[in-house]
Amino acid sequence: MKYEEKLNRMANHIASHPHDYQTSISFLKLRSKAIVQERKNRKLEDWKKVQKYKET
């Protein structure tokens, strides 16, 4: 996915530097964006399926 590589790098950095709060906050924000994007993609796929069946 779009965010996976950056999330992995941030997770590794946080594991090495547990008191880096700025990275921790950025990690949480990015993870939230990834979850929202995944939800949007799933909703779009479901919508496309519904539209496909409505046409037939």
PDB file of N, CA and C in Angstrom:
ATOM      1  N   MET A   1       0.817  -1.198   0.000  1.00  0.00           N
ATOM      2  CA  MET A   1       0.000   0.000   0.000  1.00  0.00           C
ATOM      3  C   MET A   1       0.860   1.261   0.000  1.00  0.00           C
ATOM      4  N   LYS A   2       0.175   2.351  -0.048  1.00  0.00           N
ATOM      5  CA  LYS A   2       0.815   3.655  -0.160  1.00  0.00           C
ATOM      6  C   LYS A   2       1.634   4.002   1.086  1.00  0.00           C
ATOM      7  N   TYR A   3       1.151   3.651   2.245  1.00  0.00           N
ATOM      8  CA  TYR A   3       1.754   4.097   3.497  1.00  0.00           C
ATOM      9  C   TYR A   3       2.628   3.048   4.175  1.00  0.00           C
ATOM     10  N   GLU A   4       2.602   1.811   3.707  1.00  0.00           N
ATOM     11  CA  GLU A   4       3.258   0.715   4.430  1.00  0.00           C
ATOM     12  C   GLU A   4       4.748   0.928   4.655  1.00  0.00           C
ATOM     13  N   GLU A   5       5.468   1.329   3.616  1.00  0.00           N
ATOM     14  CA  GLU A   5       6.915   1.481   3.740  1.00  0.00           C
ATOM     15  C   GLU A   5       7.282   2.535   4.779  1.00  0.00           C
ATOM     16  N   LYS A   6       6.603   3.671   4.709  1.00  0.00           N
ATOM     17  CA  LYS A   6       6.887   4.745   5.656  1.00  0.00           C
ATOM     18  C   LYS A   6       6.505   4.336   7.082  1.00  0.00           C
ATOM     19  N   LEU A   7       5.386   3.626   7.229  1.00  0.00           N
ATOM     20  CA  LEU A   7       4.977   3.158   8.557  1.00  0.00           C
ATOM     21  C   LEU A   7       5.999   2.184   9.136  1.00  0.00           C
ATOM     22  N   ASN A   8       6.530   1.300   8.286  1.00  0.00           N
ATOM     23  CA  ASN A   8       7.545   0.355   8.761  1.00  0.00           C
ATOM     24  C   ASN A   8       8.807   1.073   9.208  1.00  0.00           C
ATOM     25  N   ARG A   9       9.241   2.058   8.430  1.00  0.00           N
ATOM     26  CA  ARG A   9      10.432   2.818   8.816  1.00  0.00           C
ATOM     27  C   ARG A   9      10.212   3.561  10.129  1.00  0.00           C
ATOM     28  N   MET A  10       9.028   4.142  10.279  1.00  0.00           N
ATOM     29  CA  MET A  10       8.736   4.872  11.516  1.00  0.00           C
ATOM     30  C   MET A  10       8.665   3.924  12.710  1.00  0.00           C
ATOM     31  N   ALA A  11       8.075   2.748  12.513  1.00  0.00           N
ATOM     32  CA  ALA A  11       7.989   1.770  13.604  1.00  0.00           C
ATOM     33  C   ALA A  11       9.382   1.330  14.046  1.00  0.00           C
ATOM     34  N   ASN A  12      10.267   1.120  13.077  1.00  0.00           N
ATOM     35  CA  ASN A  12      11.643   0.751  13.421  1.00  0.00           C
ATOM     36  C   ASN A  12      12.335   1.878  14.174  1.00  0.00           C
ATOM     37  N   HIS A  13      12.111   3.107  13.748  1.00  0.00           N
ATOM     38  CA  HIS A  13      12.712   4.256  14.417  1.00  0.00           C
ATOM     39  C   HIS A  13      12.188   4.381  15.846  1.00  0.00           C
ATOM     40  N   ILE A  14      10.910   4.191  16.016  1.00  0.00           N
ATOM     41  CA  ILE A  14      10.315   4.291  17.358  1.00  0.00           C
ATOM     42  C   ILE A  14      10.852   3.183  18.265  1.00  0.00           C
ATOM     43  N   ALA A  15      11.061   1.986  17.700  1.00  0.00           N
ATOM     44  CA  ALA A  15      11.619   0.897  18.498  1.00  0.00           C
ATOM     45  C   ALA A  15      13.042   1.236  18.954  1.00  0.00           C
ATOM     46  N   SER A  16      13.789   1.915  18.102  1.00  0.00           N
ATOM     47  CA  SER A  16      15.164   2.301  18.450  1.00  0.00           C
ATOM     48  C   SER A  16      15.204   3.506  19.378  1.00  0.00           C
ATOM     49  N   HIS A  17      14.254   4.417  19.224  1.00  0.00           N
ATOM     50  CA  HIS A  17      14.225   5.656  19.997  1.00  0.00           C
ATOM     51  C   HIS A  17      12.841   5.822  20.634  1.00  0.00           C
ATOM     52  N   PRO A  18      12.578   5.111  21.719  1.00  0.00           N
ATOM     53  CA  PRO A  18      11.218   5.115  22.302  1.00  0.00           C
ATOM     54  C   PRO A  18      10.765   6.470  22.858  1.00  0.00           C
ATOM     55  N   HIS A  19      11.685   7.392  23.115  1.00  0.00           N
ATOM     56  CA  HIS A  19      11.291   8.685  23.679  1.00  0.00           C
ATOM     57  C   HIS A  19      11.165   9.773  22.616  1.00  0.00           C
ATOM     58  N   ASP A  20      11.137   9.402  21.362  1.00  0.00           N
ATOM     59  CA  ASP A  20      10.963  10.360  20.267  1.00  0.00           C
ATOM     60  C   ASP A  20       9.466  10.553  20.042  1.00  0.00           C
ATOM     61  N   TYR A  21       8.913  11.502  20.784  1.00  0.00           N
ATOM     62  CA  TYR A  21       7.466  11.682  20.777  1.00  0.00           C
ATOM     63  C   TYR A  21       6.952  12.276  19.474  1.00  0.00           C
ATOM     64  N   GLN A  22       7.759  13.099  18.825  1.00  0.00           N
ATOM     65  CA  GLN A  22       7.332  13.697  17.567  1.00  0.00           C
ATOM     66  C   GLN A  22       7.117  12.617  16.507  1.00  0.00           C
ATOM     67  N   THR A  23       8.011  11.644  16.442  1.00  0.00           N
ATOM     68  CA  THR A  23       7.860  10.543  15.491  1.00  0.00           C
ATOM     69  C   THR A  23       6.664   9.678  15.872  1.00  0.00           C
ATOM     70  N   SER A  24       6.452   9.496  17.162  1.00  0.00           N
ATOM     71  CA  SER A  24       5.308   8.701  17.611  1.00  0.00           C
ATOM     72  C   SER A  24       3.986   9.334  17.178  1.00  0.00           C
ATOM     73  N   ILE A  25       3.894  10.634  17.319  1.00  0.00           N
ATOM     74  CA  ILE A  25       2.679  11.335  16.911  1.00  0.00           C
ATOM     75  C   ILE A  25       2.500  11.254  15.401  1.00  0.00           C
ATOM     76  N   SER A  26       3.588  11.455  14.667  1.00  0.00           N
ATOM     77  CA  SER A  26       3.515  11.351  13.201  1.00  0.00           C
ATOM     78  C   SER A  26       3.116   9.947  12.775  1.00  0.00           C
ATOM     79  N   PHE A  27       3.625   8.944  13.479  1.00  0.00           N
ATOM     80  CA  PHE A  27       3.283   7.549  13.187  1.00  0.00           C
ATOM     81  C   PHE A  27       1.785   7.324  13.367  1.00  0.00           C
ATOM     82  N   LEU A  28       1.230   7.832  14.459  1.00  0.00           N
ATOM     83  CA  LEU A  28      -0.201   7.650  14.710  1.00  0.00           C
ATOM     84  C   LEU A  28      -1.048   8.358  13.657  1.00  0.00           C
ATOM     85  N   LYS A  29      -0.636   9.557  13.262  1.00  0.00           N
ATOM     86  CA  LYS A  29      -1.368  10.292  12.225  1.00  0.00           C
ATOM     87  C   LYS A  29      -1.326   9.544  10.900  1.00  0.00           C
ATOM     88  N   LEU A  30      -0.148   9.051  10.539  1.00  0.00           N
ATOM     89  CA  LEU A  30       0.005   8.344   9.272  1.00  0.00           C
ATOM     90  C   LEU A  30      -0.784   7.035   9.282  1.00  0.00           C
ATOM     91  N   ARG A  31      -0.761   6.350  10.418  1.00  0.00           N
ATOM     92  CA  ARG A  31      -1.524   5.101  10.520  1.00  0.00           C
ATOM     93  C   ARG A  31      -3.019   5.369  10.391  1.00  0.00           C
ATOM     94  N   SER A  32      -3.478   6.476  10.956  1.00  0.00           N
ATOM     95  CA  SER A  32      -4.888   6.853  10.823  1.00  0.00           C
ATOM     96  C   SER A  32      -5.236   7.136   9.366  1.00  0.00           C
ATOM     97  N   LYS A  33      -4.353   7.844   8.669  1.00  0.00           N
ATOM     98  CA  LYS A  33      -4.578   8.115   7.247  1.00  0.00           C
ATOM     99  C   LYS A  33      -4.639   6.830   6.446  1.00  0.00           C
ATOM    100  N   ALA A  34      -3.765   5.872   6.782  1.00  0.00           N
ATOM    101  CA  ALA A  34      -3.748   4.589   6.078  1.00  0.00           C
ATOM    102  C   ALA A  34      -5.054   3.835   6.302  1.00  0.00           C
ATOM    103  N   ILE A  35      -5.557   3.877   7.516  1.00  0.00           N
ATOM    104  CA  ILE A  35      -6.814   3.194   7.829  1.00  0.00           C
ATOM    105  C   ILE A  35      -7.973   3.840   7.078  1.00  0.00           C
ATOM    106  N   VAL A  36      -8.001   5.162   7.042  1.00  0.00           N
ATOM    107  CA  VAL A  36      -9.064   5.875   6.326  1.00  0.00           C
ATOM    108  C   VAL A  36      -9.000   5.562   4.836  1.00  0.00           C
ATOM    109  N   GLN A  37      -7.793   5.547   4.273  1.00  0.00           N
ATOM    110  CA  GLN A  37      -7.630   5.254   2.851  1.00  0.00           C
ATOM    111  C   GLN A  37      -8.096   3.836   2.536  1.00  0.00           C
ATOM    112  N   GLU A  38      -7.756   2.899   3.401  1.00  0.00           N
ATOM    113  CA  GLU A  38      -8.184   1.511   3.205  1.00  0.00           C
ATOM    114  C   GLU A  38      -9.714   1.406   3.255  1.00  0.00           C
ATOM    115  N   ARG A  39     -10.313   2.108   4.193  1.00  0.00           N
ATOM    116  CA  ARG A  39     -11.768   2.109   4.324  1.00  0.00           C
ATOM    117  C   ARG A  39     -12.426   2.700   3.080  1.00  0.00           C
ATOM    118  N   LYS A  40     -11.858   3.806   2.553  1.00  0.00           N
ATOM    119  CA  LYS A  40     -12.395   4.429   1.344  1.00  0.00           C
ATOM    120  C   LYS A  40     -12.300   3.481   0.155  1.00  0.00           C
ATOM    121  N   ASN A  41     -11.145   2.813   0.036  1.00  0.00           N
ATOM    122  CA  ASN A  41     -10.963   1.874  -1.074  1.00  0.00           C
ATOM    123  C   ASN A  41     -11.968   0.729  -0.997  1.00  0.00           C
ATOM    124  N   ARG A  42     -12.190   0.209   0.206  1.00  0.00           N
ATOM    125  CA  ARG A  42     -13.138  -0.891   0.384  1.00  0.00           C
ATOM    126  C   ARG A  42     -14.556  -0.430   0.048  1.00  0.00           C
ATOM    127  N   LYS A  43     -14.904   0.769   0.480  1.00  0.00           N
ATOM    128  CA  LYS A  43     -16.231   1.321   0.204  1.00  0.00           C
ATOM    129  C   LYS A  43     -16.424   1.536  -1.290  1.00  0.00           C
ATOM    130  N   LEU A  44     -15.390   2.021  -1.976  1.00  0.00           N
ATOM    131  CA  LEU A  44     -15.453   2.224  -3.417  1.00  0.00           C
ATOM    132  C   LEU A  44     -15.628   0.897  -4.151  1.00  0.00           C
ATOM    133  N   GLU A  45     -14.897  -0.126  -3.709  1.00  0.00           N
ATOM    134  CA  GLU A  45     -15.035  -1.450  -4.327  1.00  0.00           C
ATOM    135  C   GLU A  45     -16.464  -1.986  -4.158  1.00  0.00           C
ATOM    136  N   ASP A  46     -17.005  -1.835  -2.957  1.00  0.00           N
ATOM    137  CA  ASP A  46     -18.378  -2.282  -2.714  1.00  0.00           C
ATOM    138  C   ASP A  46     -19.363  -1.508  -3.585  1.00  0.00           C
ATOM    139  N   TRP A  47     -19.162  -0.201  -3.710  1.00  0.00           N
ATOM    140  CA  TRP A  47     -20.033   0.616  -4.530  1.00  0.00           C
ATOM    141  C   TRP A  47     -19.980   0.170  -5.991  1.00  0.00           C
ATOM    142  N   LYS A  48     -18.769  -0.139  -6.467  1.00  0.00           N
ATOM    143  CA  LYS A  48     -18.611  -0.594  -7.859  1.00  0.00           C
ATOM    144  C   LYS A  48     -19.354  -1.914  -8.085  1.00  0.00           C
ATOM    145  N   LYS A  49     -19.290  -2.800  -7.106  1.00  0.00           N
ATOM    146  CA  LYS A  49     -20.014  -4.077  -7.228  1.00  0.00           C
ATOM    147  C   LYS A  49     -21.518  -3.843  -7.318  1.00  0.00           C
ATOM    148  N   VAL A  50     -22.024  -2.945  -6.478  1.00  0.00           N
ATOM    149  CA  VAL A  50     -23.442  -2.644  -6.482  1.00  0.00           C
ATOM    150  C   VAL A  50     -23.848  -2.046  -7.827  1.00  0.00           C
ATOM    151  N   GLN A  51     -23.057  -1.133  -8.334  1.00  0.00           N
ATOM    152  CA  GLN A  51     -23.354  -0.511  -9.628  1.00  0.00           C
ATOM    153  C   GLN A  51     -23.334  -1.544 -10.746  1.00  0.00           C
ATOM    154  N   LYS A  52     -22.431  -2.480 -10.666  1.00  0.00           N
ATOM    155  CA  LYS A  52     -22.327  -3.525 -11.674  1.00  0.00           C
ATOM    156  C   LYS A  52     -23.607  -4.383 -11.699  1.00  0.00           C
ATOM    157  N   TYR A  53     -24.114  -4.696 -10.508  1.00  0.00           N
ATOM    158  CA  TYR A  53     -25.325  -5.521 -10.434  1.00  0.00           C
ATOM    159  C   TYR A  53     -26.581  -4.723 -10.764  1.00  0.00           C
ATOM    160  N   LYS A  54     -26.548  -3.405 -10.529  1.00  0.00           N
ATOM    161  CA  LYS A  54     -27.705  -2.587 -10.871  1.00  0.00           C
ATOM    162  C   LYS A  54     -27.878  -2.503 -12.381  1.00  0.00           C
ATOM    163  N   GLU A  55     -26.775  -2.494 -13.107  1.00  0.00           N
ATOM    164  CA  GLU A  55     -26.831  -2.374 -14.564  1.00  0.00           C
ATOM    165  C   GLU A  55     -27.397  -3.626 -15.222  1.00  0.00           C
ATOM    166  N   THR A  56     -27.178  -4.769 -14.626  1.00  0.00           N
ATOM    167  CA  THR A  56     -27.642  -6.018 -15.244  1.00  0.00           C
ATOM    168  C   THR A  56     -29.055  -6.370 -14.860  1.00  0.00           C
TER     169      THR A  56
END
